[in-house]
Amino acid sequence: VFRKKMSSSRKHHLKSLMLQIAKGLLEEEERDREVQRTRYMAENCPPLSFNFPAPEELCREIHRKVDTIDEERYDLEMKVSKSNKEIDDLKIKVQDLMGKFKKPVLKKVRMSADAMLKALLGSKHTVNLDLRANLKQVKKEVKEEDKELRDVGDWRKNIEDKAGMDGRKKMFEAEA
């Protein structure tokens, strides 16, 4: 397919026509937006009616209202500060009634259990917390029957002699 090249003047002419058409479309679009905006405002925002008294009178009325509110605020602040002062005075009176001295901050003291019990119970009571001393001591009693059995039939006694080594093991151990 053979395409013929377009001359530059023709290109320029077509480009200007396209720009004119686009400009017309943009202007029409802007007019439509403006019409929609005015219609929306008319539907949703009714026009303001100025039935107010003169602006100076309106400002005076607003100033009077602000002054009365400021006076009320000042009165309330004074009442609050007065009550806070009364509360502080009552706290001081309560502290005076409870005791004239403040309790000191207690320090940690390392103390043994015996010393603590002596301090709590007084020096008359001596309590010893040595638990091993309070344990009951049990002596191992060996029955006479067990002694006889051990003498007669104890296979562990002189095991080297019964093994037939005749004390040679002890001899080798002494040399080494």
N, C-alpha and C. Protein backbone atom coordinates (compact mmCIF):
# COMPACT_ATOMS: atom_id res chain seq x y z
N VAL A 1 0.86 -1.16 0.00
CA VAL A 1 0.00 0.00 0.00
C VAL A 1 0.91 1.23 0.00
N PHE A 2 0.59 2.06 -0.95
CA PHE A 2 1.37 3.26 -1.11
C PHE A 2 0.63 4.43 -0.48
N ARG A 3 1.32 5.13 0.42
CA ARG A 3 0.71 6.27 1.08
C ARG A 3 1.40 7.53 0.59
N LYS A 4 0.57 8.49 0.36
CA LYS A 4 1.10 9.74 -0.12
C LYS A 4 1.39 10.64 1.08
N LYS A 5 2.54 11.26 1.10
CA LYS A 5 2.90 12.15 2.18
C LYS A 5 2.06 13.40 2.10
N MET A 6 1.68 13.88 3.34
CA MET A 6 0.85 15.07 3.42
C MET A 6 1.77 16.27 3.52
N SER A 7 1.35 17.34 2.90
CA SER A 7 2.18 18.54 2.95
C SER A 7 2.07 19.18 4.33
N SER A 8 3.04 19.96 4.66
CA SER A 8 3.08 20.58 5.99
C SER A 8 1.94 21.59 6.15
N SER A 9 1.57 22.28 5.12
CA SER A 9 0.47 23.24 5.24
C SER A 9 -0.84 22.52 5.50
N ARG A 10 -1.00 21.37 4.86
CA ARG A 10 -2.22 20.57 5.08
C ARG A 10 -2.25 20.05 6.52
N LYS A 11 -1.12 19.57 7.01
CA LYS A 11 -1.03 19.09 8.40
C LYS A 11 -1.39 20.22 9.36
N HIS A 12 -0.84 21.39 9.11
CA HIS A 12 -1.08 22.51 9.97
C HIS A 12 -2.55 22.90 9.96
N HIS A 13 -3.18 22.89 8.80
CA HIS A 13 -4.59 23.23 8.67
C HIS A 13 -5.47 22.22 9.44
N LEU A 14 -5.20 20.94 9.29
CA LEU A 14 -5.98 19.90 10.01
C LEU A 14 -5.79 20.01 11.53
N LYS A 15 -4.59 20.28 11.93
CA LYS A 15 -4.31 20.41 13.36
C LYS A 15 -5.08 21.59 13.94
N SER A 16 -5.13 22.71 13.27
CA SER A 16 -5.86 23.86 13.78
C SER A 16 -7.36 23.59 13.81
N LEU A 17 -7.89 22.85 12.83
CA LEU A 17 -9.30 22.49 12.85
C LEU A 17 -9.62 21.59 14.06
N MET A 18 -8.75 20.63 14.32
CA MET A 18 -8.96 19.73 15.47
C MET A 18 -8.93 20.51 16.79
N LEU A 19 -8.03 21.48 16.88
CA LEU A 19 -7.94 22.27 18.10
C LEU A 19 -9.18 23.14 18.28
N GLN A 20 -9.72 23.68 17.18
CA GLN A 20 -10.94 24.50 17.28
C GLN A 20 -12.13 23.65 17.74
N ILE A 21 -12.24 22.45 17.20
CA ILE A 21 -13.34 21.56 17.60
C ILE A 21 -13.21 21.19 19.09
N ALA A 22 -11.98 20.86 19.53
CA ALA A 22 -11.76 20.50 20.93
C ALA A 22 -12.07 21.69 21.85
N LYS A 23 -11.70 22.88 21.42
CA LYS A 23 -11.95 24.07 22.21
C LYS A 23 -13.45 24.29 22.35
N GLY A 24 -14.19 24.10 21.29
CA GLY A 24 -15.66 24.25 21.33
C GLY A 24 -16.28 23.23 22.28
N LEU A 25 -15.78 21.98 22.21
CA LEU A 25 -16.31 20.94 23.11
C LEU A 25 -16.02 21.26 24.58
N LEU A 26 -14.83 21.75 24.87
CA LEU A 26 -14.47 22.11 26.25
C LEU A 26 -15.35 23.25 26.76
N GLU A 27 -15.60 24.27 25.91
CA GLU A 27 -16.45 25.39 26.33
C GLU A 27 -17.87 24.92 26.61
N GLU A 28 -18.36 24.03 25.76
CA GLU A 28 -19.72 23.50 25.97
C GLU A 28 -19.79 22.67 27.27
N GLU A 29 -18.76 21.90 27.51
CA GLU A 29 -18.70 21.11 28.75
C GLU A 29 -18.67 22.02 29.98
N GLU A 30 -17.94 23.10 29.92
CA GLU A 30 -17.86 24.05 31.03
C GLU A 30 -19.22 24.70 31.27
N ARG A 31 -19.94 25.05 30.19
CA ARG A 31 -21.28 25.64 30.35
C ARG A 31 -22.24 24.65 31.00
N ASP A 32 -22.15 23.38 30.61
CA ASP A 32 -23.00 22.35 31.22
C ASP A 32 -22.70 22.22 32.72
N ARG A 33 -21.44 22.26 33.08
CA ARG A 33 -21.07 22.18 34.49
C ARG A 33 -21.63 23.36 35.27
N GLU A 34 -21.55 24.54 34.69
CA GLU A 34 -22.06 25.74 35.37
C GLU A 34 -23.58 25.65 35.54
N VAL A 35 -24.28 25.15 34.54
CA VAL A 35 -25.74 24.99 34.64
C VAL A 35 -26.07 23.98 35.74
N GLN A 36 -25.35 22.88 35.79
CA GLN A 36 -25.58 21.86 36.83
C GLN A 36 -25.29 22.43 38.22
N ARG A 37 -24.24 23.22 38.35
CA ARG A 37 -23.87 23.80 39.63
C ARG A 37 -24.97 24.75 40.13
N THR A 38 -25.46 25.62 39.24
CA THR A 38 -26.51 26.57 39.65
C THR A 38 -27.80 25.82 40.01
N ARG A 39 -28.14 24.78 39.26
CA ARG A 39 -29.34 24.00 39.56
C ARG A 39 -29.20 23.30 40.92
N TYR A 40 -28.03 22.72 41.20
CA TYR A 40 -27.78 22.04 42.48
C TYR A 40 -27.88 23.03 43.65
N MET A 41 -27.27 24.20 43.49
CA MET A 41 -27.30 25.21 44.55
C MET A 41 -28.74 25.68 44.80
N ALA A 42 -29.53 25.81 43.74
CA ALA A 42 -30.91 26.26 43.89
C ALA A 42 -31.73 25.20 44.64
N GLU A 43 -31.46 23.91 44.36
CA GLU A 43 -32.21 22.84 45.02
C GLU A 43 -31.80 22.66 46.48
N ASN A 44 -30.50 22.66 46.75
CA ASN A 44 -30.00 22.28 48.08
C ASN A 44 -29.70 23.46 49.00
N CYS A 45 -29.42 24.63 48.48
CA CYS A 45 -29.08 25.79 49.32
C CYS A 45 -30.05 26.93 48.99
N PRO A 46 -31.07 27.08 49.83
CA PRO A 46 -32.01 28.17 49.55
C PRO A 46 -31.32 29.53 49.75
N PRO A 47 -31.79 30.54 49.09
CA PRO A 47 -31.14 31.86 49.22
C PRO A 47 -31.31 32.41 50.64
N LEU A 48 -30.32 33.15 51.09
CA LEU A 48 -30.33 33.72 52.43
C LEU A 48 -31.27 34.92 52.47
N SER A 49 -32.00 34.99 53.58
CA SER A 49 -32.86 36.16 53.76
C SER A 49 -32.28 36.95 54.93
N PHE A 50 -31.91 38.17 54.70
CA PHE A 50 -31.30 39.02 55.72
C PHE A 50 -32.39 39.82 56.42
N ASN A 51 -32.97 39.19 57.47
CA ASN A 51 -33.98 39.87 58.27
C ASN A 51 -33.37 40.33 59.60
N PHE A 52 -32.06 40.40 59.66
CA PHE A 52 -31.39 40.81 60.89
C PHE A 52 -31.50 42.31 61.06
N PRO A 53 -31.40 42.74 62.34
CA PRO A 53 -31.33 44.20 62.54
C PRO A 53 -29.99 44.71 61.99
N ALA A 54 -29.77 45.92 62.14
CA ALA A 54 -28.54 46.53 61.61
C ALA A 54 -27.33 45.79 62.18
N PRO A 55 -26.27 45.65 61.40
CA PRO A 55 -25.08 44.92 61.87
C PRO A 55 -24.49 45.48 63.16
N GLU A 56 -24.58 46.76 63.38
CA GLU A 56 -24.04 47.34 64.61
C GLU A 56 -24.81 46.83 65.82
N GLU A 57 -26.14 46.77 65.69
CA GLU A 57 -26.97 46.28 66.79
C GLU A 57 -26.68 44.80 67.05
N LEU A 58 -26.47 44.06 65.99
CA LEU A 58 -26.14 42.63 66.12
C LEU A 58 -24.83 42.45 66.87
N CYS A 59 -23.82 43.25 66.56
CA CYS A 59 -22.52 43.18 67.24
C CYS A 59 -22.67 43.54 68.71
N ARG A 60 -23.49 44.56 69.04
CA ARG A 60 -23.69 44.94 70.43
C ARG A 60 -24.32 43.78 71.23
N GLU A 61 -25.31 43.15 70.63
CA GLU A 61 -25.98 42.04 71.30
C GLU A 61 -25.00 40.89 71.55
N ILE A 62 -24.17 40.59 70.57
CA ILE A 62 -23.17 39.51 70.73
C ILE A 62 -22.19 39.88 71.83
N HIS A 63 -21.76 41.13 71.90
CA HIS A 63 -20.82 41.57 72.95
C HIS A 63 -21.45 41.43 74.34
N ARG A 64 -22.73 41.76 74.46
CA ARG A 64 -23.41 41.62 75.75
C ARG A 64 -23.44 40.16 76.19
N LYS A 65 -23.75 39.27 75.26
CA LYS A 65 -23.79 37.84 75.59
C LYS A 65 -22.41 37.33 76.01
N VAL A 66 -21.38 37.78 75.30
CA VAL A 66 -20.00 37.36 75.64
C VAL A 66 -19.64 37.87 77.04
N ASP A 67 -20.02 39.10 77.37
CA ASP A 67 -19.72 39.66 78.69
C ASP A 67 -20.40 38.86 79.80
N THR A 68 -21.66 38.50 79.61
CA THR A 68 -22.36 37.73 80.65
C THR A 68 -21.74 36.35 80.82
N ILE A 69 -21.35 35.74 79.73
CA ILE A 69 -20.71 34.42 79.82
C ILE A 69 -19.36 34.52 80.52
N ASP A 70 -18.59 35.59 80.23
CA ASP A 70 -17.30 35.80 80.91
C ASP A 70 -17.49 35.99 82.41
N GLU A 71 -18.52 36.74 82.80
CA GLU A 71 -18.80 36.94 84.22
C GLU A 71 -19.12 35.61 84.90
N GLU A 72 -19.95 34.79 84.27
CA GLU A 72 -20.29 33.48 84.83
C GLU A 72 -19.04 32.61 84.95
N ARG A 73 -18.20 32.63 83.94
CA ARG A 73 -16.97 31.83 83.97
C ARG A 73 -16.07 32.28 85.12
N TYR A 74 -15.93 33.60 85.30
CA TYR A 74 -15.10 34.13 86.38
C TYR A 74 -15.66 33.72 87.74
N ASP A 75 -16.99 33.81 87.89
CA ASP A 75 -17.63 33.42 89.15
C ASP A 75 -17.37 31.94 89.44
N LEU A 76 -17.50 31.10 88.44
CA LEU A 76 -17.27 29.67 88.63
C LEU A 76 -15.81 29.38 88.97
N GLU A 77 -14.88 30.06 88.34
CA GLU A 77 -13.46 29.88 88.66
C GLU A 77 -13.18 30.26 90.11
N MET A 78 -13.80 31.35 90.58
CA MET A 78 -13.60 31.78 91.96
C MET A 78 -14.17 30.73 92.93
N LYS A 79 -15.34 30.18 92.61
CA LYS A 79 -15.94 29.15 93.47
C LYS A 79 -15.03 27.92 93.54
N VAL A 80 -14.49 27.52 92.39
CA VAL A 80 -13.62 26.35 92.35
C VAL A 80 -12.35 26.58 93.15
N SER A 81 -11.73 27.74 93.00
CA SER A 81 -10.50 28.02 93.75
C SER A 81 -10.78 28.10 95.25
N LYS A 82 -11.95 28.67 95.63
CA LYS A 82 -12.32 28.74 97.04
C LYS A 82 -12.52 27.34 97.60
N SER A 83 -13.21 26.47 96.86
CA SER A 83 -13.41 25.09 97.34
C SER A 83 -12.09 24.34 97.43
N ASN A 84 -11.18 24.55 96.48
CA ASN A 84 -9.87 23.89 96.55
C ASN A 84 -9.11 24.33 97.79
N LYS A 85 -9.20 25.61 98.11
CA LYS A 85 -8.52 26.11 99.31
C LYS A 85 -9.12 25.49 100.57
N GLU A 86 -10.45 25.37 100.61
CA GLU A 86 -11.11 24.74 101.76
C GLU A 86 -10.70 23.28 101.89
N ILE A 87 -10.59 22.59 100.77
CA ILE A 87 -10.17 21.18 100.78
C ILE A 87 -8.76 21.05 101.34
N ASP A 88 -7.87 21.94 100.92
CA ASP A 88 -6.49 21.90 101.44
C ASP A 88 -6.46 22.17 102.95
N ASP A 89 -7.26 23.14 103.41
CA ASP A 89 -7.33 23.43 104.84
C ASP A 89 -7.83 22.22 105.62
N LEU A 90 -8.86 21.56 105.09
CA LEU A 90 -9.41 20.38 105.77
C LEU A 90 -8.39 19.24 105.80
N LYS A 91 -7.62 19.09 104.75
CA LYS A 91 -6.57 18.06 104.73
C LYS A 91 -5.55 18.32 105.83
N ILE A 92 -5.17 19.59 106.00
CA ILE A 92 -4.20 19.95 107.03
C ILE A 92 -4.78 19.66 108.42
N LYS A 93 -6.07 19.97 108.63
CA LYS A 93 -6.70 19.69 109.91
C LYS A 93 -6.73 18.19 110.20
N VAL A 94 -7.03 17.41 109.18
CA VAL A 94 -7.06 15.94 109.36
C VAL A 94 -5.68 15.44 109.74
N GLN A 95 -4.65 15.94 109.10
CA GLN A 95 -3.29 15.52 109.45
C GLN A 95 -2.95 15.91 110.89
N ASP A 96 -3.41 17.08 111.32
CA ASP A 96 -3.16 17.50 112.69
C ASP A 96 -3.88 16.58 113.68
N LEU A 97 -5.10 16.17 113.34
CA LEU A 97 -5.84 15.29 114.23
C LEU A 97 -5.24 13.89 114.28
N MET A 98 -4.74 13.40 113.15
CA MET A 98 -4.17 12.06 113.08
C MET A 98 -2.87 11.98 113.88
N GLY A 99 -2.12 12.96 113.85
CA GLY A 99 -0.84 12.96 114.56
C GLY A 99 -0.01 14.11 114.06
N LYS A 100 0.76 14.66 114.98
CA LYS A 100 1.50 15.85 114.60
C LYS A 100 2.75 15.53 113.81
N PHE A 101 3.19 14.28 113.90
CA PHE A 101 4.42 13.93 113.20
C PHE A 101 4.11 13.07 112.00
N LYS A 102 4.85 13.28 110.98
CA LYS A 102 4.72 12.41 109.81
C LYS A 102 5.48 11.13 110.08
N LYS A 103 4.97 10.04 109.55
CA LYS A 103 5.67 8.77 109.72
C LYS A 103 6.92 8.78 108.87
N PRO A 104 8.04 8.41 109.46
CA PRO A 104 9.27 8.38 108.64
C PRO A 104 9.25 7.21 107.68
N VAL A 105 10.00 7.34 106.65
CA VAL A 105 10.12 6.26 105.68
C VAL A 105 11.00 5.18 106.30
N LEU A 106 10.49 3.97 106.33
CA LEU A 106 11.22 2.89 106.96
C LEU A 106 12.32 2.40 106.04
N LYS A 107 13.46 2.07 106.66
CA LYS A 107 14.59 1.57 105.89
C LYS A 107 14.62 0.06 105.98
N LYS A 108 15.16 -0.58 104.98
CA LYS A 108 15.29 -2.03 105.01
C LYS A 108 16.46 -2.40 105.91
N VAL A 109 16.21 -3.35 106.80
CA VAL A 109 17.25 -3.79 107.72
C VAL A 109 17.40 -5.29 107.56
N ARG A 110 18.63 -5.72 107.43
CA ARG A 110 18.89 -7.15 107.33
C ARG A 110 18.97 -7.70 108.75
N MET A 111 18.14 -8.71 109.02
CA MET A 111 18.07 -9.25 110.35
C MET A 111 17.86 -10.75 110.24
N SER A 112 18.50 -11.49 111.08
CA SER A 112 18.33 -12.94 111.05
C SER A 112 16.97 -13.29 111.63
N ALA A 113 16.54 -14.51 111.40
CA ALA A 113 15.24 -14.94 111.88
C ALA A 113 15.22 -14.98 113.41
N ASP A 114 16.33 -15.41 114.01
CA ASP A 114 16.40 -15.46 115.47
C ASP A 114 16.27 -14.05 116.06
N ALA A 115 16.98 -13.11 115.49
CA ALA A 115 16.93 -11.73 115.99
C ALA A 115 15.54 -11.15 115.81
N MET A 116 14.89 -11.49 114.70
CA MET A 116 13.55 -10.97 114.44
C MET A 116 12.57 -11.53 115.46
N LEU A 117 12.67 -12.84 115.76
CA LEU A 117 11.77 -13.43 116.75
C LEU A 117 12.03 -12.86 118.14
N LYS A 118 13.29 -12.60 118.45
CA LYS A 118 13.61 -11.98 119.75
C LYS A 118 13.00 -10.59 119.83
N ALA A 119 13.07 -9.85 118.71
CA ALA A 119 12.51 -8.51 118.71
C ALA A 119 10.99 -8.55 118.84
N LEU A 120 10.36 -9.54 118.21
CA LEU A 120 8.91 -9.64 118.26
C LEU A 120 8.43 -10.19 119.60
N LEU A 121 9.07 -11.23 120.09
CA LEU A 121 8.60 -11.91 121.29
C LEU A 121 9.22 -11.37 122.57
N GLY A 122 10.25 -10.61 122.46
CA GLY A 122 10.93 -10.08 123.64
C GLY A 122 12.14 -10.92 123.96
N SER A 123 12.93 -10.44 124.87
CA SER A 123 14.19 -11.14 125.18
C SER A 123 13.95 -12.35 126.07
N LYS A 124 12.77 -12.47 126.69
CA LYS A 124 12.50 -13.61 127.57
C LYS A 124 12.40 -14.90 126.78
N HIS A 125 11.81 -14.81 125.60
CA HIS A 125 11.62 -16.01 124.78
C HIS A 125 12.83 -16.19 123.88
N THR A 126 13.47 -17.29 124.05
CA THR A 126 14.60 -17.58 123.16
C THR A 126 14.16 -18.71 122.25
N VAL A 127 14.09 -18.41 121.01
CA VAL A 127 13.67 -19.40 120.02
C VAL A 127 14.85 -19.67 119.14
N ASN A 128 15.14 -20.92 118.95
CA ASN A 128 16.27 -21.28 118.10
C ASN A 128 15.72 -21.88 116.82
N LEU A 129 16.11 -21.30 115.72
CA LEU A 129 15.62 -21.79 114.45
C LEU A 129 16.59 -22.76 113.81
N ASP A 130 17.54 -23.29 114.59
CA ASP A 130 18.45 -24.28 114.04
C ASP A 130 17.69 -25.60 113.98
N LEU A 131 17.19 -25.91 112.81
CA LEU A 131 16.31 -27.07 112.66
C LEU A 131 17.06 -28.38 112.83
N ARG A 132 18.33 -28.41 112.53
CA ARG A 132 19.09 -29.65 112.65
C ARG A 132 19.25 -30.06 114.11
N ALA A 133 19.30 -29.06 114.99
CA ALA A 133 19.47 -29.37 116.41
C ALA A 133 18.19 -29.99 116.96
N ASN A 134 17.06 -29.61 116.39
CA ASN A 134 15.78 -30.11 116.89
C ASN A 134 15.43 -31.49 116.34
N LEU A 135 16.19 -31.96 115.36
CA LEU A 135 15.88 -33.27 114.77
C LEU A 135 16.19 -34.38 115.77
N LYS A 136 15.40 -35.40 115.70
CA LYS A 136 15.60 -36.55 116.57
C LYS A 136 16.72 -37.39 116.00
N GLN A 137 17.66 -37.72 116.84
CA GLN A 137 18.78 -38.53 116.36
C GLN A 137 18.46 -40.00 116.58
N VAL A 138 18.64 -40.77 115.55
CA VAL A 138 18.34 -42.20 115.61
C VAL A 138 19.64 -42.95 115.42
N LYS A 139 19.94 -43.83 116.39
CA LYS A 139 21.15 -44.64 116.27
C LYS A 139 20.75 -45.95 115.62
N LYS A 140 21.64 -46.40 114.79
CA LYS A 140 21.37 -47.64 114.07
C LYS A 140 21.70 -48.80 115.00
N GLU A 141 20.70 -49.61 115.26
CA GLU A 141 20.90 -50.77 116.11
C GLU A 141 21.10 -51.99 115.23
N VAL A 142 22.13 -52.72 115.52
CA VAL A 142 22.42 -53.92 114.75
C VAL A 142 21.92 -55.10 115.57
N LYS A 143 21.07 -55.88 114.93
CA LYS A 143 20.51 -57.04 115.64
C LYS A 143 21.59 -58.11 115.80
N GLU A 144 21.45 -58.87 116.87
CA GLU A 144 22.44 -59.91 117.12
C GLU A 144 22.37 -61.01 116.08
N GLU A 145 21.17 -61.27 115.58
CA GLU A 145 21.02 -62.33 114.56
C GLU A 145 21.80 -61.95 113.30
N ASP A 146 21.75 -60.68 112.94
CA ASP A 146 22.45 -60.22 111.74
C ASP A 146 23.95 -60.35 111.92
N LYS A 147 24.44 -60.13 113.15
CA LYS A 147 25.88 -60.27 113.40
C LYS A 147 26.32 -61.71 113.18
N GLU A 148 25.53 -62.62 113.69
CA GLU A 148 25.89 -64.03 113.54
C GLU A 148 25.88 -64.43 112.07
N LEU A 149 24.89 -63.98 111.32
CA LEU A 149 24.81 -64.32 109.90
C LEU A 149 25.99 -63.71 109.15
N ARG A 150 26.37 -62.52 109.54
CA ARG A 150 27.45 -61.85 108.84
C ARG A 150 28.77 -62.59 109.11
N ASP A 151 28.95 -63.06 110.35
CA ASP A 151 30.19 -63.76 110.67
C ASP A 151 30.25 -65.10 109.93
N VAL A 152 29.15 -65.80 109.88
CA VAL A 152 29.16 -67.14 109.32
C VAL A 152 29.04 -67.10 107.81
N GLY A 153 28.05 -66.45 107.30
CA GLY A 153 27.76 -66.61 105.88
C GLY A 153 27.94 -65.36 105.05
N ASP A 154 28.81 -64.45 105.43
CA ASP A 154 29.00 -63.24 104.63
C ASP A 154 29.97 -63.55 103.51
N TRP A 155 29.50 -63.60 102.30
CA TRP A 155 30.32 -63.97 101.15
C TRP A 155 31.28 -62.86 100.76
N ARG A 156 30.99 -61.61 101.26
CA ARG A 156 31.87 -60.51 100.90
C ARG A 156 33.14 -60.49 101.75
N LYS A 157 33.11 -61.21 102.87
CA LYS A 157 34.27 -61.18 103.77
C LYS A 157 35.39 -61.99 103.17
N ASN A 158 36.53 -61.39 103.10
CA ASN A 158 37.74 -62.01 102.55
C ASN A 158 37.48 -62.64 101.19
N ILE A 159 36.91 -61.88 100.31
CA ILE A 159 36.56 -62.42 99.00
C ILE A 159 37.80 -62.80 98.20
N GLU A 160 38.91 -62.14 98.48
CA GLU A 160 40.14 -62.48 97.78
C GLU A 160 40.62 -63.88 98.17
N ASP A 161 40.46 -64.26 99.48
CA ASP A 161 40.88 -65.59 99.93
C ASP A 161 40.02 -66.66 99.28
N LYS A 162 38.72 -66.40 99.18
CA LYS A 162 37.82 -67.40 98.62
C LYS A 162 37.99 -67.51 97.11
N ALA A 163 38.53 -66.53 96.50
CA ALA A 163 38.71 -66.56 95.06
C ALA A 163 39.94 -67.38 94.69
N GLY A 164 40.67 -67.78 95.66
CA GLY A 164 41.83 -68.61 95.40
C GLY A 164 43.07 -67.84 95.10
N MET A 165 43.07 -66.60 95.41
CA MET A 165 44.25 -65.80 95.08
C MET A 165 45.22 -65.77 96.25
N ASP A 166 44.81 -66.22 97.41
CA ASP A 166 45.64 -66.32 98.61
C ASP A 166 46.39 -65.03 98.92
N GLY A 167 45.74 -63.92 98.79
CA GLY A 167 46.36 -62.67 99.17
C GLY A 167 47.30 -62.11 98.15
N ARG A 168 47.39 -62.75 96.97
CA ARG A 168 48.31 -62.26 95.93
C ARG A 168 47.87 -60.89 95.40
N LYS A 169 46.57 -60.70 95.37
CA LYS A 169 46.07 -59.42 94.86
C LYS A 169 46.59 -58.27 95.71
N LYS A 170 46.57 -58.47 97.03
CA LYS A 170 47.04 -57.43 97.93
C LYS A 170 48.55 -57.24 97.73
N MET A 171 49.23 -58.32 97.44
CA MET A 171 50.67 -58.23 97.25
C MET A 171 50.98 -57.41 96.00
N PHE A 172 50.21 -57.65 94.91
CA PHE A 172 50.45 -56.91 93.68
C PHE A 172 50.07 -55.43 93.84
N GLU A 173 49.05 -55.19 94.62
CA GLU A 173 48.63 -53.80 94.82
C GLU A 173 49.67 -53.04 95.61
N ALA A 174 50.32 -53.71 96.57
CA ALA A 174 51.35 -53.05 97.37
C ALA A 174 52.57 -52.72 96.53
N GLU A 175 52.91 -53.58 95.58
CA GLU A 175 54.09 -53.33 94.72
C GLU A 175 53.84 -52.22 93.76
N ALA A 176 52.67 -52.12 93.28
CA ALA A 176 52.37 -51.11 92.27
C ALA A 176 52.24 -49.78 92.90
